[in-house]
């Protein structure tokens, strides 16, 4: 069986957890529908969740993988991240990596204005 997964953080190409996707097929870059908020979780990884209003489109990548690769990806995810439905700008709905809103808003930085983990992470190196 195969799984398609939208990723928008450290699983993306060139970032820290990308090796966990070894063997997965890169399907391309894409964006979510503008219905998400994006938070920096300790400046280590992003946390994304859906909102009813005030959302932004978030940049990410799509991958197709076997169940075995998915198990490796899931096992390597930081705490609280989970797999759930993500709405794409093209109208599709796919599995993606999400973060609980209550935890994000309880003490992490809203970086939604960037709409892109890479863009935000680049500001940390300046």
Protein backbone atom coordinates (compact mmCIF):
# COMPACT_ATOMS: atom_id res chain seq x y z
CA UNK A 1 0.00 0.00 0.00
CA UNK A 2 1.18 3.56 -0.61
CA UNK A 3 0.57 6.81 1.22
CA UNK A 4 0.73 10.35 -0.13
CA UNK A 5 1.81 12.96 2.40
CA UNK A 6 2.04 16.77 2.45
CA UNK A 7 4.99 18.01 4.53
CA UNK A 8 5.73 21.63 5.40
CA UNK A 9 8.65 21.50 7.83
CA UNK A 10 11.83 19.65 8.61
CA UNK A 11 10.87 16.70 6.38
CA UNK A 12 11.29 18.90 3.29
CA UNK A 13 14.28 18.51 0.99
CA UNK A 14 17.54 19.70 2.51
CA UNK A 15 16.20 19.95 6.06
CA UNK A 16 16.94 17.96 9.22
CA UNK A 17 14.41 15.12 9.02
CA UNK A 18 14.40 14.71 5.22
CA UNK A 19 16.53 11.53 5.48
CA UNK A 20 13.48 9.88 7.09
CA UNK A 21 11.86 10.09 3.64
CA UNK A 22 14.63 8.04 1.99
CA UNK A 23 12.99 5.93 -0.71
CA UNK A 24 9.85 8.09 -0.94
CA UNK A 25 8.88 9.61 -4.28
CA UNK A 26 9.02 13.43 -4.41
CA UNK A 27 5.84 14.51 -6.22
CA UNK A 28 6.49 18.25 -6.22
CA UNK A 29 6.08 21.47 -4.35
CA UNK A 30 2.58 22.67 -3.49
CA UNK A 31 0.64 24.94 -1.17
CA UNK A 32 -2.29 24.53 1.16
CA UNK A 33 -5.57 26.35 0.81
CA UNK A 34 -5.44 29.63 2.81
CA UNK A 35 -7.04 28.10 5.91
CA UNK A 36 -4.04 27.43 8.19
CA UNK A 37 -1.98 29.14 10.87
CA UNK A 38 1.72 28.32 11.13
CA UNK A 39 3.68 28.44 14.39
CA UNK A 40 7.35 27.97 15.22
CA UNK A 41 7.66 25.26 17.86
CA UNK A 42 10.76 26.33 19.74
CA UNK A 43 12.40 27.39 16.44
CA UNK A 44 12.98 23.65 15.84
CA UNK A 45 10.03 22.78 13.60
CA UNK A 46 6.72 24.27 12.45
CA UNK A 47 3.28 23.47 13.76
CA UNK A 48 0.33 23.95 11.40
CA UNK A 49 -3.39 23.80 12.16
CA UNK A 50 -6.60 24.70 10.36
CA UNK A 51 -8.64 27.78 11.31
CA UNK A 52 -12.08 29.08 10.36
CA UNK A 53 -10.80 32.60 9.63
CA UNK A 54 -7.50 34.43 9.32
CA UNK A 55 -5.74 31.53 7.63
CA UNK A 56 -2.85 31.62 5.20
CA UNK A 57 -1.58 29.33 2.47
CA UNK A 58 1.42 27.27 3.61
CA UNK A 59 4.23 26.09 1.32
CA UNK A 60 5.18 22.42 1.32
CA UNK A 61 6.06 19.31 -0.62
CA UNK A 62 4.17 16.15 -1.58
CA UNK A 63 5.61 12.64 -1.28
CA UNK A 64 4.40 9.14 -2.11
CA UNK A 65 5.75 6.38 0.11
CA UNK A 66 5.34 2.78 1.19
CA UNK A 67 3.86 1.84 4.54
CA UNK A 68 7.38 1.01 5.75
CA UNK A 69 8.68 4.51 4.93
CA UNK A 70 5.59 6.06 6.54
CA UNK A 71 6.26 4.11 9.74
CA UNK A 72 9.82 5.52 9.80
CA UNK A 73 8.54 9.06 9.16
CA UNK A 74 5.89 8.80 11.86
CA UNK A 75 8.35 7.36 14.41
CA UNK A 76 10.78 10.23 13.78
CA UNK A 77 8.30 13.07 14.19
CA UNK A 78 8.73 15.46 17.14
CA UNK A 79 6.18 15.32 19.98
CA UNK A 80 2.55 16.32 19.33
CA UNK A 81 2.78 16.29 15.52
CA UNK A 82 0.18 14.02 13.96
CA UNK A 83 -1.18 12.98 10.58
CA UNK A 84 -4.46 14.57 9.50
CA UNK A 85 -6.32 15.96 6.49
CA UNK A 86 -4.77 18.96 4.74
CA UNK A 87 -6.64 21.07 2.19
CA UNK A 88 -4.56 22.02 -0.84
CA UNK A 89 -4.92 25.17 -2.95
CA UNK A 90 -5.98 22.99 -5.91
CA UNK A 91 -9.04 21.80 -3.96
CA UNK A 92 -7.64 18.39 -3.07
CA UNK A 93 -7.44 16.95 0.42
CA UNK A 94 -4.41 14.85 1.37
CA UNK A 95 -2.75 13.53 4.50
CA UNK A 96 -0.39 16.00 6.12
CA UNK A 97 1.50 16.72 9.31
CA UNK A 98 -0.48 18.88 11.75
CA UNK A 99 0.02 20.26 15.26
CA UNK A 100 -2.54 20.81 18.06
CA UNK A 101 -3.78 24.40 18.05
CA UNK A 102 -4.04 24.66 21.84
CA UNK A 103 -0.38 23.72 22.32
CA UNK A 104 0.81 26.06 19.55
CA UNK A 105 -1.11 29.06 20.86
CA UNK A 106 -0.13 28.36 24.48
CA UNK A 107 3.42 29.60 24.11
CA UNK A 108 4.84 29.37 20.62
CA UNK A 109 5.49 32.02 17.99
CA UNK A 110 2.93 32.66 15.23
CA UNK A 111 4.90 32.73 11.97
CA UNK A 112 1.89 32.61 9.65
CA UNK A 113 2.99 35.83 7.92
CA UNK A 114 5.83 33.82 6.36
CA UNK A 115 3.59 30.99 5.08
CA UNK A 116 6.75 28.96 4.67
CA UNK A 117 8.98 27.24 7.25
CA UNK A 118 12.10 27.73 5.10
CA UNK A 119 11.47 31.48 4.83
CA UNK A 120 11.07 31.76 8.59
CA UNK A 121 14.08 29.53 9.34
CA UNK A 122 16.22 31.76 7.09
CA UNK A 123 15.53 34.69 9.46
CA UNK A 124 17.04 32.69 12.33
CA UNK A 125 20.41 32.59 10.55
CA UNK A 126 20.56 36.34 9.89
